[in-house]
Amino acid sequence: MGRLEPQGDLMLISKRTQTFVYQILYADVSNCLPEYATLKAMGYSDLSLSF
């Protein structure tokens, strides 16, 4: 009682990992927004910026 099943432990670790990865990606994208806006203002398409 009170002890998680192995699947529960894995789900908890997975959720924490997803949160960590999300925070890293969010910070990286946030830091690049000014450059993205500049390229969009210069006329680059979404497709050309996705690669």
Protein backbone atom coordinates (compact mmCIF):
# COMPACT_ATOMS: atom_id res chain seq x y z
CA MET A 1 0.00 0.00 0.00
CA GLY A 2 1.21 3.46 -0.84
CA ARG A 3 3.83 2.03 -3.14
CA LEU A 4 3.63 2.72 -6.85
CA GLU A 5 3.60 -0.09 -9.34
CA PRO A 6 6.58 -0.26 -11.73
CA GLN A 7 4.41 1.20 -14.50
CA GLY A 8 3.47 4.09 -12.21
CA ASP A 9 7.12 4.83 -11.46
CA LEU A 10 7.91 4.84 -15.17
CA MET A 11 4.98 7.15 -15.93
CA LEU A 12 6.15 9.58 -13.24
CA ILE A 13 9.71 9.62 -14.61
CA SER A 14 8.37 10.05 -18.14
CA LYS A 15 6.21 13.02 -17.11
CA ARG A 16 9.13 14.71 -15.37
CA THR A 17 11.34 14.15 -18.42
CA GLN A 18 8.68 15.61 -20.72
CA THR A 19 8.38 18.69 -18.51
CA PHE A 20 12.16 19.16 -18.48
CA VAL A 21 12.44 18.83 -22.28
CA TYR A 22 9.50 21.22 -22.77
CA GLN A 23 11.17 23.85 -20.57
CA ILE A 24 14.43 23.60 -22.53
CA LEU A 25 12.66 23.88 -25.90
CA TYR A 26 10.51 26.77 -24.68
CA ALA A 27 13.57 28.70 -23.50
CA ASP A 28 15.42 28.03 -26.75
CA VAL A 29 12.52 29.19 -28.92
CA SER A 30 11.94 32.25 -26.73
CA ASN A 31 15.57 33.27 -27.13
CA CYS A 32 15.33 33.07 -30.95
CA LEU A 33 12.09 35.01 -31.45
CA PRO A 34 13.76 38.32 -32.40
CA GLU A 35 15.80 36.60 -35.14
CA TYR A 36 12.71 34.76 -36.39
CA ALA A 37 10.74 38.02 -36.53
CA THR A 38 13.54 39.72 -38.47
CA LEU A 39 13.67 36.94 -41.06
CA LYS A 40 9.86 36.98 -41.40
CA ALA A 41 9.97 40.78 -41.92
CA MET A 42 12.58 40.26 -44.65
CA GLY A 43 10.12 38.02 -46.49
CA TYR A 44 11.22 34.50 -45.61
CA SER A 45 8.39 31.95 -45.77
CA ASP A 46 7.45 29.61 -42.92
CA LEU A 47 8.65 26.69 -45.03
CA SER A 48 12.11 28.17 -45.58
CA LEU A 49 12.48 28.89 -41.85
CA SER A 50 11.47 25.39 -40.80
CA PHE A 51 14.66 23.81 -42.12
